[in-house]
Amino acid sequence: MRGPLGAVIGRYPSSDGSTHLGGIIKHNRKCRDIAVLVIFIAFWIAMIVNSSFAFNRGNPLRLTYGLDYKGNVCGQKHAAQDLRELELKYWLNPNQVYQSGLKDSQFKLANARSICLLDCPIPSEDSLTWVCDYPEGDIRVSLNDWIDMNYDYFEFLTPEMRNSSLQLQGPCYPVIFPSVNVYWSCQFIARASNVSLRHWQQMGGVNIKEDIIIDKSIHEYINSQSAALKRYMADIGKSWPVLIVCGGILPLFLSVIWLLMIRHFVAAMPWVTVVLFNVLMVSVTMFFYLKVGWIGNDAISPIIGEHDPYIHVYVRELTHLRVVTVLMSFIMLVAILTSIAIVRRILMATSVLKVAAKVIGEVQALIIFPIIPCGILAVFYIFWISAALHLFSSGQVVQNNCNSNCCTYDLIEKKVICDRCCGYSIHYTPHIGAAILFHLFGCYWATQFFIACLSTVIAGSVASYYWAHGEASPEIPFLSVFSSMKRLMLYSLGSVALGSLTVSFIESIRFLLESIRRKLKVSGHEPDSWIGRAAYQCSQCFQRCIGWTIKSVNRNAYVMIAITGKSFFKASAIATELIMSNILRIGRVNVIGDVILFLGKLCVSLSSALFAFLMLDTHKYRSAHNKISSPLLPVVVCWALGYVVATLFFAVVEMSIDTIILSFCQDSEEHGTAQYAPPLLIETLGDQNETQRLTQGSQ
């Protein structure tokens, strides 16, 4: 049997017989769950080691630009040659590109000879133009002069070199097919220039294959899953100003505004939140419609720079956007119908929010306190995203092992060689995949940990307010928050680490099970019978219920940790017992309040997504170096960051309500009536008629 909490956190007599406010809430505590705290510290050390490996081995330029035939990253100034301006990958030999596209061919496009250029070559209208290899050996041309000559030094070649070039063995290669810049790779358009082809044949050049395969071969390379994933990660690096503004500054500002409005306009806020949520849902969905081209002519295009308007290139990113657009349409419809369904319950939410408004009015430091964990998380996310970009690009550049006969002229050795023609690729080992998964898990655990710390500090501060009868005290306006934070740092870090680890572990298991389900679906191993499908759906529902229950128990456990200083599992047991014994009293109150607060978080995060769309729609992110492949991932990341920031600030309201309700229930259970409820709250929670209306609702 647990003892009365009023004796634990209320007033207690001192040795001189005087009474102090909240005395024992500060003393007689022990460090709890120390083993988990040690594990958490070890986890942070492992995160630092993992990130150090990423910074040492990774190169984010690999996510955007390709490799040339020497293994250099295009656009990298520290390569064997200064390629800082040469960002586009161009395949020199059109016959090699054609051969790599044949079904039974052993030749791979990765082994085709490629170099880095400033722009994609196009055939001349009245003559034959050439693209020659990097100037080396007897070719006395600097790299800058080579660029100024449009990569053409054919006139300086010896007869041997010219004959080799006519055999498509270099060092110069004819420009027969036009090409366009598709995500920093020059994709051939399978429409050979008749003029260039005629000049080539007149010079005695070998036969050049003309087929749609030459187009498809490069397109399949550009449109592969791995290439699309790299571009998504590169989009995050390019759009970092958008992440800072729309994922950090804007949601922080909007969250503070929302808290201030709760403080002063509590009666109107549930209505404002519901209406604004629906407006934002419609607005964000319409932006998705614009970007897939279903409304207007502003669909995303993979082609960079000026090009023939009749040239259209289809990419995987457009498919992803279409899927998300359909999903957003469904969510928008469900959201509108749900909003209509909860209109009758909004009055109850207004009464619940009054509780938090009263507490915020008395403990005003709660409004600005979330800025501290928000700032810490911002620094962590900057470090984490930078490490993630390096980790995703931390593979090793190795030469391919090929048996292809791809003879080329070597300007250094001054002859045609056929034994060193394999290209280069980035090799990812299994431990890199494990490091990426660990990095992702670390981000989720760290986020949950900071949210748990914030929740515990708020709960301790609000509990001090409640069990002090709400009396004016020099401690209440400001110092109660910092006193609660001190208790957390000294005694309860292990407990919140264990709670956040529990949530992270459960969510990770759900993520792995969902990944396995998707793989089984792709491979055709889904259950065929209706019994199997029903069992599967029930298991999915059960997993979601378990996840929701764990999060709910955790939140109330943090309240009891702040109040009692118990370990995580002991506090969870106390909170669960208290909730179950008062489930009819607090059930409806908590549910409808949580719904409004959840909609408020979505309002902030959807505003972040909407402004991210607007920023990414500017010229900076639609052309040249900063062009993003798709606004999808930056917008989703801004939405997620906005939701995290909103969660930090809205925890003030959530934890205030939860702490007051749990304290009120315990107070009523111990004394029959709520004796510790302060005057500012007694009219909302203490009056019997009001309590009955709040907790039971309309019959």
Foldseek 3Di string as FASTA:
>chain_A
DDDFLLVQQFWDADPVRDIDGRVNLQDDFFFFLVVLVVVVVVLVVVLVVLLVLLVVQFDLLVLQAPAAQVRDTALPCPPPHGRVQFGAKEFFFLQLLLQQLDPPHQRHPLLGGIDTANFFDAADQAEKFKAFDQDDAPRPDDNVRCNVVVNGPQVPDDPVQVVCQLAVQDRIHIRFFGFFQFSRYTATDLDGRPNNVVNSVVVPHDDRDRDCSSRVSVLCVCQPPLSVVSLLLVLCVLCVVLCCVLLAVQLLVLLLVLLVCLLPVLLCQLVVLLVLLLVLLVLLLVLLCVQLPVPDRNHAARTFDDDDPVDGRDHPQSVVSVVVSVVSVVVSVVSVVVSVVCPVVVNLLSLLSLLLSLLCVFQVVLSVVLVVLSVVLVVVVVSLSVSLSSLSRSFDKDFDDGDDQRWHADSNVRGIDGPSSTGIDGDDDVVSVVSNVSSVLVSQLVLQLSLLLLLLLLLLLLLSCLSHLNDDDPCNHYPSSVSLNVCCVRHPSSQSSVLSVVLSVLVVVVVVVVVVVVVCVVVVNQDDDPVSVVVVVVVNVVSVVVSVVSVVLSSQLSSQCSSNVDHSVVSSVVSVVLCVVCVLLCVVSLVSNVVSLVSNLQSQLSVSLSVLSVVCPDPQCCHDPNPRNDSPSVSVSSSVSSSSSSSSSSSSSNSSSSSVVSLQSSCCVVPVFNPSGHPSCCVCCRDPVNSCCSRNNDD
